[in-house]
Amino acid sequence: MKTKGSKIFTIIQHEYISKVKSRGFILSTILAPLAIVLIYGTIIAVSIMSSGQTTKKIAVLDQTGEIGAELVARDTSKFFTTDKSEETLRQEVLDNTLDGYLIINDNFLQTGKADVFTSGGGGLGFISSIEKNTEDIIVNKRLREIGADKNIIDLVNRGVSISTKKVTLEGSKEDYSEMLAFLGYILGFMIYGLMFTYGSFVMRGVIEEKANRIVEVIASSARPFEIMFGKVVGIGAVGLTQVLFWLILLVILFAAGGTIAQMFIGAPDMAQMAGDAANQPEQAEIIKFFENFTISPWVIVAFLFYFLAGYFIYSSLFAAVGSAVDQEQDASQLSMPVALPIIIPIMFIPNVMNNPDGTLATVLSLIPFFTPILMIARVAATDVPLWQIALSVVLLAGTFLLCLWVAAKIYRVGILMYGKKPTFKDLIKWFKLD
């Protein structure tokens, strides 16, 4: 006679082996990293290429007699000078023969204010394109007006480049704050996607077994809690296997990052690299970044923990929802309260990344249902105090036990209920049954 532990292990073994051997698992494990790189790479490339772009071309009515010509010289595809009256330009905009017109008053150098008239629209790129071009021109003219030397003007136009360093016991090191914040974004989104994906696997699996009456056969030899817990752990082990494969791939990618970068952008000029750091070629900076940038092992450990913690909390609830319905279409209404706490933290990620050490970020990341997504984002982006990590672990453990207890009470009744589509009132009634 099998013990309680051996029955759960048998169910875990069945769930794990059947899923890992499937073609869908193998393909998704291999293709998902490629898809993520392709999607994020495309988004970044499109953002860079389309930054400040606009399809509108506007007339420049210049009352200073000098700024308009400089503006057109900077980009003839967006600007052209005109000597038409304001009324004529207004009528052309109304007739849709002109996208818009920019009026540069003779006091523009003093006030820095100008008016743009359009028929509406154009997007952020339209405004930023005008602001960027006029700002450079007006700064140079103001400097020339006060008699600034050409060397001073060139110095002002050189801009600012801030390199951040991290103070450690071993000395100062490169601090890739922006990249770490971006990494926090990615890890938070990964946990978001994984919790939804594997939570849905659990719910769909429970519904299929209930619809095929397989669960009744299993229930004759195992208790409902053992069936539910075995399924949750088994599919969780599948997810862990997939995540570990991706993490190993990520570590290899970063370990060979410098070599791979050289393959795409070419080896840097070592003579120039030996010179002043500010004069190093851009390609050398990129290769240097890939050679020096590392992901802390604690971030990887934290990612695995918060993924598993979030998975076990939400998959238990998804299993309870799956047990209550006869078909997948009926689960959408009941699963909404489970899905919302996964979606809400995603909306707060930009705020958390903007100030990962702030009060808002701290409070939100300690709410157990938000913790898996927001805490891993903070851990990647900053040094989270140990007491906050410890508190999040305790809160997650308590929340998991609570969710498991609630889900098990609904599951034991739900898998034997057929016919009528249940309501939230029915779920509460099932939960209260002894």
Protein backbone atom coordinates (compact mmCIF):
# COMPACT_ATOMS: atom_id res chain seq x y z
CA MET A 1 0.00 0.00 0.00
CA LYS A 2 1.38 3.36 -1.04
CA THR A 3 1.94 6.02 1.58
CA LYS A 4 0.71 9.61 1.21
CA GLY A 5 4.19 10.78 0.22
CA SER A 6 4.66 8.08 -2.41
CA LYS A 7 1.29 8.89 -4.02
CA ILE A 8 2.20 12.56 -4.33
CA PHE A 9 5.61 11.59 -5.73
CA THR A 10 3.97 9.31 -8.32
CA ILE A 11 1.71 12.14 -9.48
CA ILE A 12 4.67 14.56 -9.59
CA GLN A 13 6.70 12.03 -11.61
CA HIS A 14 3.84 11.50 -14.09
CA GLU A 15 3.25 15.23 -14.59
CA TYR A 16 6.96 15.99 -14.98
CA ILE A 17 7.87 13.21 -17.41
CA SER A 18 4.76 13.59 -19.58
CA LYS A 19 5.35 17.33 -19.98
CA VAL A 20 9.15 17.28 -20.42
CA LYS A 21 8.99 14.61 -23.14
CA SER A 22 6.40 16.53 -25.15
CA ARG A 23 7.40 18.23 -28.41
CA GLY A 24 5.83 21.51 -27.24
CA PHE A 25 8.14 21.68 -24.21
CA ILE A 26 11.28 21.00 -26.25
CA LEU A 27 10.39 23.55 -28.92
CA SER A 28 9.36 26.26 -26.45
CA THR A 29 12.54 25.74 -24.39
CA ILE A 30 14.74 26.24 -27.45
CA LEU A 31 12.73 28.84 -29.32
CA ALA A 32 11.59 31.07 -26.42
CA PRO A 33 15.06 32.68 -25.84
CA LEU A 34 15.36 33.36 -29.57
CA ALA A 35 11.88 34.89 -29.60
CA ILE A 36 12.68 37.10 -26.58
CA VAL A 37 15.94 38.32 -28.14
CA LEU A 38 14.16 38.97 -31.43
CA ILE A 39 11.24 40.84 -29.80
CA TYR A 40 13.33 43.00 -27.47
CA GLY A 41 15.98 43.57 -30.14
CA THR A 42 13.30 44.74 -32.58
CA ILE A 43 11.70 47.02 -29.98
CA ILE A 44 15.05 48.61 -29.08
CA ALA A 45 16.11 48.99 -32.73
CA VAL A 46 12.79 50.54 -33.75
CA SER A 47 12.86 52.89 -30.72
CA ILE A 48 16.36 54.09 -31.57
CA MET A 49 15.65 54.51 -35.26
CA SER A 50 12.28 56.24 -34.78
CA SER A 51 13.38 58.51 -31.92
CA GLY A 52 12.48 62.10 -32.82
CA GLN A 53 11.13 61.10 -36.22
CA THR A 54 8.04 62.65 -37.74
CA THR A 55 6.46 62.50 -41.17
CA LYS A 56 5.26 66.12 -40.98
CA LYS A 57 7.00 68.96 -42.84
CA ILE A 58 6.37 72.47 -41.59
CA ALA A 59 6.92 75.99 -42.90
CA VAL A 60 9.16 78.30 -40.89
CA LEU A 61 8.09 81.95 -40.78
CA ASP A 62 11.26 83.53 -39.45
CA GLN A 63 11.13 87.15 -38.22
CA THR A 64 14.76 87.09 -37.03
CA GLY A 65 16.07 86.51 -40.57
CA GLU A 66 18.73 84.00 -39.50
CA ILE A 67 17.35 81.16 -37.36
CA GLY A 68 14.99 79.81 -40.05
CA ALA A 69 17.81 79.21 -42.53
CA GLU A 70 19.85 77.31 -39.90
CA LEU A 71 16.84 75.22 -39.00
CA VAL A 72 16.23 74.23 -42.62
CA ALA A 73 19.93 73.49 -43.10
CA ARG A 74 19.76 70.99 -40.24
CA ASP A 75 16.91 68.97 -41.80
CA THR A 76 15.40 69.87 -45.16
CA SER A 77 12.99 66.92 -44.92
CA LYS A 78 11.13 68.53 -41.99
CA PHE A 79 11.52 72.31 -42.40
CA PHE A 80 11.36 74.92 -45.15
CA THR A 81 11.33 78.70 -44.91
CA THR A 82 8.47 80.82 -46.18
CA ASP A 83 7.59 84.50 -46.45
CA LYS A 84 3.83 83.98 -46.73
CA SER A 85 1.53 85.77 -44.30
CA GLU A 86 0.20 84.03 -41.20
CA GLU A 87 -3.33 84.16 -42.62
CA THR A 88 -2.23 82.40 -45.84
CA LEU A 89 -0.41 79.70 -43.88
CA ARG A 90 -3.43 79.24 -41.63
CA GLN A 91 -5.68 78.75 -44.67
CA GLU A 92 -3.26 76.19 -46.18
CA VAL A 93 -3.36 74.20 -42.94
CA LEU A 94 -7.16 74.27 -43.00
CA ASP A 95 -7.10 73.15 -46.66
CA ASN A 96 -4.74 70.28 -45.71
CA THR A 97 -2.10 71.49 -48.19
CA LEU A 98 0.33 72.28 -45.35
CA ASP A 99 1.15 70.18 -42.26
CA GLY A 100 1.84 73.21 -40.10
CA TYR A 101 3.94 76.34 -39.61
CA LEU A 102 6.39 77.59 -37.02
CA ILE A 103 6.52 81.29 -36.18
CA ILE A 104 9.88 82.51 -34.87
CA ASN A 105 9.40 86.02 -33.46
CA ASP A 106 12.18 88.59 -33.43
CA ASN A 107 12.50 88.21 -29.63
CA PHE A 108 13.00 84.43 -29.87
CA LEU A 109 16.62 84.64 -28.74
CA GLN A 110 15.59 86.38 -25.51
CA THR A 111 12.44 84.42 -24.68
CA GLY A 112 13.18 81.04 -26.27
CA LYS A 113 9.45 80.77 -27.02
CA ALA A 114 7.91 80.02 -30.40
CA ASP A 115 4.47 78.92 -31.63
CA VAL A 116 3.69 75.96 -33.86
CA PHE A 117 0.34 75.78 -35.64
CA THR A 118 -0.92 72.49 -37.07
CA SER A 119 -4.19 70.73 -37.78
CA GLY A 120 -3.42 68.50 -34.76
CA GLY A 121 -1.57 65.24 -34.19
CA GLY A 122 2.01 64.51 -35.17
CA GLY A 123 2.95 62.67 -31.98
CA LEU A 124 5.83 63.19 -29.57
CA GLY A 125 8.40 62.88 -32.35
CA PHE A 126 7.00 65.99 -34.02
CA ILE A 127 7.44 68.26 -31.00
CA SER A 128 10.76 66.76 -29.91
CA SER A 129 12.16 67.24 -33.42
CA ILE A 130 11.36 70.99 -33.34
CA GLU A 131 12.61 71.45 -29.77
CA LYS A 132 15.86 69.57 -30.33
CA ASN A 133 16.78 71.52 -33.46
CA THR A 134 15.80 74.98 -32.21
CA GLU A 135 17.44 74.51 -28.80
CA ASP A 136 20.86 73.83 -30.31
CA ILE A 137 20.58 76.85 -32.58
CA ILE A 138 19.44 79.26 -29.88
CA VAL A 139 22.16 78.19 -27.42
CA ASN A 140 24.89 78.79 -30.00
CA LYS A 141 23.47 82.18 -30.97
CA ARG A 142 23.20 83.31 -27.35
CA LEU A 143 26.81 82.35 -26.78
CA ARG A 144 27.93 84.23 -29.89
CA GLU A 145 25.91 87.29 -28.81
CA ILE A 146 27.78 87.55 -25.53
CA GLY A 147 31.07 87.19 -27.40
CA ALA A 148 31.92 83.67 -26.39
CA ASP A 149 35.05 82.24 -27.97
CA LYS A 150 34.62 79.48 -30.60
CA ASN A 151 36.46 77.06 -28.32
CA ILE A 152 33.92 77.77 -25.55
CA ILE A 153 31.01 77.17 -27.95
CA ASP A 154 32.57 73.87 -29.05
CA LEU A 155 33.06 72.95 -25.41
CA VAL A 156 29.38 73.62 -24.64
CA ASN A 157 28.24 71.59 -27.65
CA ARG A 158 30.38 68.67 -26.57
CA GLY A 159 27.67 67.70 -24.06
CA VAL A 160 27.99 65.69 -20.86
CA SER A 161 28.82 62.05 -20.34
CA ILE A 162 28.49 60.72 -16.79
CA SER A 163 30.20 57.47 -15.89
CA THR A 164 28.99 55.97 -12.63
CA LYS A 165 31.30 53.98 -10.36
CA LYS A 166 30.38 51.61 -7.58
CA VAL A 167 32.33 51.85 -4.32
CA THR A 168 33.33 48.43 -2.94
CA LEU A 169 35.79 47.14 -0.36
CA GLU A 170 38.11 46.20 -3.24
CA GLY A 171 37.93 49.72 -4.73
CA SER A 172 35.81 51.45 -7.35
CA LYS A 173 34.18 49.37 -10.06
CA GLU A 174 32.06 50.10 -13.10
CA ASP A 175 28.41 50.62 -12.11
CA TYR A 176 25.99 49.63 -14.85
CA SER A 177 22.91 51.08 -13.13
CA GLU A 178 20.93 51.57 -16.33
CA MET A 179 21.64 48.07 -17.58
CA LEU A 180 20.80 46.59 -14.17
CA ALA A 181 17.50 48.49 -14.14
CA PHE A 182 16.79 47.14 -17.62
CA LEU A 183 17.69 43.66 -16.38
CA GLY A 184 15.19 44.16 -13.52
CA TYR A 185 12.52 44.98 -16.09
CA ILE A 186 13.25 41.81 -18.05
CA LEU A 187 13.34 39.53 -14.99
CA GLY A 188 10.07 41.02 -13.68
CA PHE A 189 8.40 40.48 -17.04
CA MET A 190 9.79 36.94 -17.24
CA ILE A 191 8.26 36.00 -13.89
CA TYR A 192 5.00 37.65 -14.97
CA GLY A 193 4.92 35.55 -18.15
CA LEU A 194 6.01 32.35 -16.43
CA MET A 195 3.39 32.63 -13.68
CA PHE A 196 0.67 33.15 -16.27
CA THR A 197 1.94 30.37 -18.54
CA TYR A 198 2.43 27.67 -15.92
CA GLY A 199 -0.62 28.74 -13.90
CA SER A 200 -2.67 28.27 -17.07
CA PHE A 201 -1.04 24.84 -17.61
CA VAL A 202 -2.18 23.76 -14.16
CA MET A 203 -5.72 25.09 -14.64
CA ARG A 204 -6.07 23.57 -18.12
CA GLY A 205 -4.72 20.22 -16.90
CA VAL A 206 -7.23 20.09 -14.04
CA ILE A 207 -10.11 20.96 -16.40
CA GLU A 208 -9.08 18.27 -18.93
CA GLU A 209 -8.81 15.57 -16.27
CA LYS A 210 -12.18 16.57 -14.85
CA ALA A 211 -13.84 16.70 -18.31
CA ASN A 212 -12.45 13.25 -19.22
CA ARG A 213 -13.43 11.86 -15.80
CA ILE A 214 -9.81 10.80 -15.30
CA VAL A 215 -9.75 12.63 -11.99
CA GLU A 216 -12.45 10.30 -10.64
CA VAL A 217 -10.21 7.31 -11.35
CA ILE A 218 -7.23 9.00 -9.69
CA ALA A 219 -9.41 10.05 -6.75
CA SER A 220 -10.19 6.40 -6.04
CA SER A 221 -6.56 5.85 -4.99
CA ALA A 222 -5.42 9.32 -3.87
CA ARG A 223 -6.94 12.16 -1.87
CA PRO A 224 -7.93 15.40 -3.70
CA PHE A 225 -5.19 17.34 -1.89
CA GLU A 226 -2.56 14.81 -3.02
CA ILE A 227 -3.78 15.08 -6.64
CA MET A 228 -3.74 18.86 -6.62
CA PHE A 229 -0.41 19.21 -4.80
CA GLY A 230 1.24 16.58 -7.02
CA LYS A 231 0.07 18.34 -10.17
CA VAL A 232 1.21 21.76 -8.93
CA VAL A 233 4.66 20.50 -7.92
CA GLY A 234 5.08 18.38 -11.07
CA ILE A 235 4.33 21.25 -13.45
CA GLY A 236 6.43 23.55 -11.25
CA ALA A 237 9.37 21.17 -11.73
CA VAL A 238 8.83 21.39 -15.50
CA GLY A 239 8.97 25.19 -15.27
CA LEU A 240 12.10 25.03 -13.13
CA THR A 241 13.80 22.79 -15.69
CA GLN A 242 12.99 25.25 -18.46
CA VAL A 243 14.14 28.28 -16.44
CA LEU A 244 17.42 26.58 -15.46
CA PHE A 245 18.15 25.84 -19.13
CA TRP A 246 17.57 29.50 -20.01
CA LEU A 247 19.73 30.73 -17.12
CA ILE A 248 22.62 28.49 -18.18
CA LEU A 249 22.23 29.84 -21.70
CA LEU A 250 22.27 33.42 -20.33
CA VAL A 251 25.43 32.80 -18.28
CA ILE A 252 27.19 31.32 -21.33
CA LEU A 253 26.06 34.28 -23.44
CA PHE A 254 27.50 36.83 -21.00
CA ALA A 255 30.68 34.79 -20.46
CA ALA A 256 31.32 34.86 -24.20
CA GLY A 257 29.78 38.35 -24.66
CA GLY A 258 33.06 40.08 -25.53
CA THR A 259 34.00 37.49 -28.15
CA ILE A 260 30.51 37.53 -29.68
CA ALA A 261 30.51 41.34 -29.79
CA GLN A 262 33.85 41.31 -31.61
CA MET A 263 32.40 38.93 -34.20
CA PHE A 264 29.63 41.43 -35.01
CA ILE A 265 31.38 44.80 -34.69
CA GLY A 266 35.02 43.87 -35.26
CA ALA A 267 38.04 43.97 -32.98
CA PRO A 268 38.91 47.39 -31.53
CA ASP A 269 42.05 49.32 -32.42
CA MET A 270 44.38 48.35 -29.56
CA ALA A 271 46.58 51.41 -30.18
CA GLN A 272 43.63 53.68 -29.58
CA MET A 273 42.45 51.62 -26.60
CA ALA A 274 45.82 52.20 -24.98
CA GLY A 275 45.19 55.96 -25.10
CA ASP A 276 42.92 58.11 -23.03
CA ALA A 277 39.64 56.44 -22.04
CA ALA A 278 37.56 59.36 -23.37
CA ASN A 279 39.04 58.85 -26.84
CA GLN A 280 38.39 55.12 -27.06
CA PRO A 281 36.33 54.14 -30.09
CA GLU A 282 32.69 53.25 -29.51
CA GLN A 283 33.25 49.62 -30.50
CA ALA A 284 35.86 49.28 -27.75
CA GLU A 285 33.34 50.59 -25.22
CA ILE A 286 30.76 48.01 -26.33
CA ILE A 287 33.26 45.15 -26.11
CA LYS A 288 34.49 46.41 -22.74
CA PHE A 289 30.90 46.42 -21.46
CA PHE A 290 30.28 42.81 -22.50
CA GLU A 291 33.59 41.72 -20.97
CA ASN A 292 33.00 43.47 -17.63
CA PHE A 293 29.24 43.22 -17.12
CA THR A 294 28.30 40.33 -14.85
CA ILE A 295 25.08 39.19 -13.21
CA SER A 296 25.41 38.51 -9.49
CA PRO A 297 24.78 34.88 -8.48
CA TRP A 298 22.41 36.27 -5.83
CA VAL A 299 20.23 37.74 -8.56
CA ILE A 300 19.98 34.29 -10.16
CA VAL A 301 19.18 32.65 -6.81
CA ALA A 302 16.57 35.35 -6.08
CA PHE A 303 15.03 34.91 -9.53
CA LEU A 304 14.61 31.17 -9.01
CA PHE A 305 13.15 31.67 -5.53
CA TYR A 306 10.65 34.40 -6.49
CA PHE A 307 9.62 32.50 -9.62
CA LEU A 308 8.89 29.33 -7.60
CA ALA A 309 7.19 31.28 -4.79
CA GLY A 310 4.95 33.14 -7.23
CA TYR A 311 4.26 29.99 -9.21
CA PHE A 312 3.17 27.95 -6.17
CA ILE A 313 0.89 30.73 -4.87
CA TYR A 314 -0.87 31.38 -8.16
CA SER A 315 -0.91 27.82 -9.53
CA SER A 316 -2.68 26.64 -6.36
CA LEU A 317 -5.39 29.23 -6.98
CA PHE A 318 -5.54 28.39 -10.70
CA ALA A 319 -5.96 24.71 -9.77
CA ALA A 320 -8.92 25.62 -7.55
CA VAL A 321 -10.50 27.57 -10.41
CA GLY A 322 -9.90 24.67 -12.82
CA SER A 323 -11.56 22.20 -10.47
CA ALA A 324 -14.71 24.32 -10.28
CA VAL A 325 -15.57 24.33 -14.00
CA ASP A 326 -16.33 21.69 -16.64
CA GLN A 327 -14.78 23.49 -19.59
CA GLU A 328 -12.09 26.12 -20.17
CA GLN A 329 -14.51 28.80 -21.44
CA ASP A 330 -16.26 28.86 -18.05
CA ALA A 331 -13.01 29.60 -16.21
CA SER A 332 -12.48 33.16 -17.51
CA GLN A 333 -14.81 34.85 -15.00
CA LEU A 334 -13.54 32.89 -12.00
CA SER A 335 -9.88 33.29 -12.93
CA MET A 336 -10.07 37.10 -13.20
CA PRO A 337 -9.52 37.72 -9.43
CA VAL A 338 -6.48 35.40 -9.62
CA ALA A 339 -5.05 37.09 -12.73
CA LEU A 340 -5.44 40.69 -11.53
CA PRO A 341 -2.74 40.54 -8.80
CA ILE A 342 -0.33 39.30 -11.50
CA ILE A 343 -1.19 42.15 -13.86
CA ILE A 344 -1.22 45.05 -11.35
CA PRO A 345 2.52 44.94 -10.40
CA ILE A 346 3.48 45.14 -14.07
CA MET A 347 1.86 48.60 -14.15
CA PHE A 348 4.05 49.69 -11.20
CA ILE A 349 7.37 48.42 -12.59
CA PRO A 350 8.31 51.78 -14.22
CA ASN A 351 7.76 53.59 -10.88
CA VAL A 352 9.70 50.95 -8.96
CA MET A 353 12.60 51.06 -11.44
CA ASN A 354 12.66 54.86 -11.32
CA ASN A 355 13.39 54.75 -7.57
CA PRO A 356 13.96 51.15 -6.44
CA ASP A 357 14.96 52.27 -2.93
CA GLY A 358 11.95 54.56 -2.38
CA THR A 359 9.04 54.04 -0.01
CA LEU A 360 6.58 53.20 -2.81
CA ALA A 361 8.88 50.52 -4.24
CA THR A 362 9.56 49.06 -0.78
CA VAL A 363 5.90 48.87 0.25
CA LEU A 364 4.66 47.46 -3.08
CA SER A 365 7.41 44.84 -3.25
CA LEU A 366 6.47 43.55 0.21
CA ILE A 367 2.83 42.89 -0.73
CA PRO A 368 3.02 39.10 -1.15
CA PHE A 369 0.97 38.90 -4.36
CA PHE A 370 3.18 41.60 -5.95
CA THR A 371 6.48 40.43 -4.44
CA PRO A 372 7.58 37.87 -7.10
CA ILE A 373 7.56 40.48 -9.88
CA LEU A 374 8.55 43.67 -8.04
CA MET A 375 11.13 42.29 -5.59
CA ILE A 376 13.19 40.55 -8.28
CA ALA A 377 13.14 43.81 -10.27
CA ARG A 378 14.51 45.65 -7.21
CA VAL A 379 17.08 42.95 -6.40
CA ALA A 380 18.48 43.25 -9.94
CA ALA A 381 18.51 47.07 -9.90
CA THR A 382 19.78 47.93 -6.41
CA ASP A 383 21.05 46.55 -3.10
CA VAL A 384 17.86 45.60 -1.27
CA PRO A 385 18.32 45.52 2.54
CA LEU A 386 18.55 42.00 3.93
CA TRP A 387 15.63 42.53 6.32
CA GLN A 388 13.34 43.30 3.38
CA ILE A 389 14.44 40.12 1.59
CA ALA A 390 13.87 38.08 4.77
CA LEU A 391 10.47 39.67 5.37
CA SER A 392 9.39 38.96 1.78
CA VAL A 393 10.41 35.30 2.19
CA VAL A 394 8.35 34.94 5.37
CA LEU A 395 5.32 36.71 3.87
CA LEU A 396 5.49 34.59 0.70
CA ALA A 397 5.73 31.36 2.69
CA GLY A 398 2.71 32.34 4.80
CA THR A 399 0.73 33.43 1.73
CA PHE A 400 1.51 30.16 -0.06
CA LEU A 401 0.28 28.06 2.88
CA LEU A 402 -2.88 30.17 3.08
CA CYS A 403 -3.56 29.88 -0.67
CA LEU A 404 -2.84 26.14 -0.60
CA TRP A 405 -5.29 25.68 2.27
CA VAL A 406 -8.04 27.69 0.54
CA ALA A 407 -7.42 26.04 -2.86
CA ALA A 408 -7.43 22.51 -1.39
CA LYS A 409 -10.83 23.06 0.28
CA ILE A 410 -12.36 24.27 -3.01
CA TYR A 411 -10.59 21.60 -5.09
CA ARG A 412 -11.86 18.62 -3.05
CA VAL A 413 -15.49 19.65 -3.74
CA GLY A 414 -15.02 21.18 -7.19
CA ILE A 415 -13.58 18.08 -8.95
CA LEU A 416 -16.74 16.14 -8.12
CA MET A 417 -19.20 18.87 -9.21
CA TYR A 418 -20.61 18.79 -12.76
CA GLY A 419 -23.31 20.64 -14.66
CA LYS A 420 -24.12 24.08 -13.32
CA LYS A 421 -21.53 26.81 -13.87
CA PRO A 422 -20.38 27.84 -10.36
CA THR A 423 -20.43 31.38 -9.00
CA PHE A 424 -18.17 33.04 -6.42
CA LYS A 425 -20.94 32.37 -3.88
CA ASP A 426 -20.69 28.63 -4.66
CA LEU A 427 -16.91 28.69 -4.17
CA ILE A 428 -17.35 30.31 -0.76
CA LYS A 429 -19.92 27.66 0.15
CA TRP A 430 -17.54 24.85 -0.92
CA PHE A 431 -14.74 26.44 1.09
CA LYS A 432 -16.90 26.45 4.25
CA LEU A 433 -17.84 22.77 3.95
CA ASP A 434 -16.16 20.51 6.52
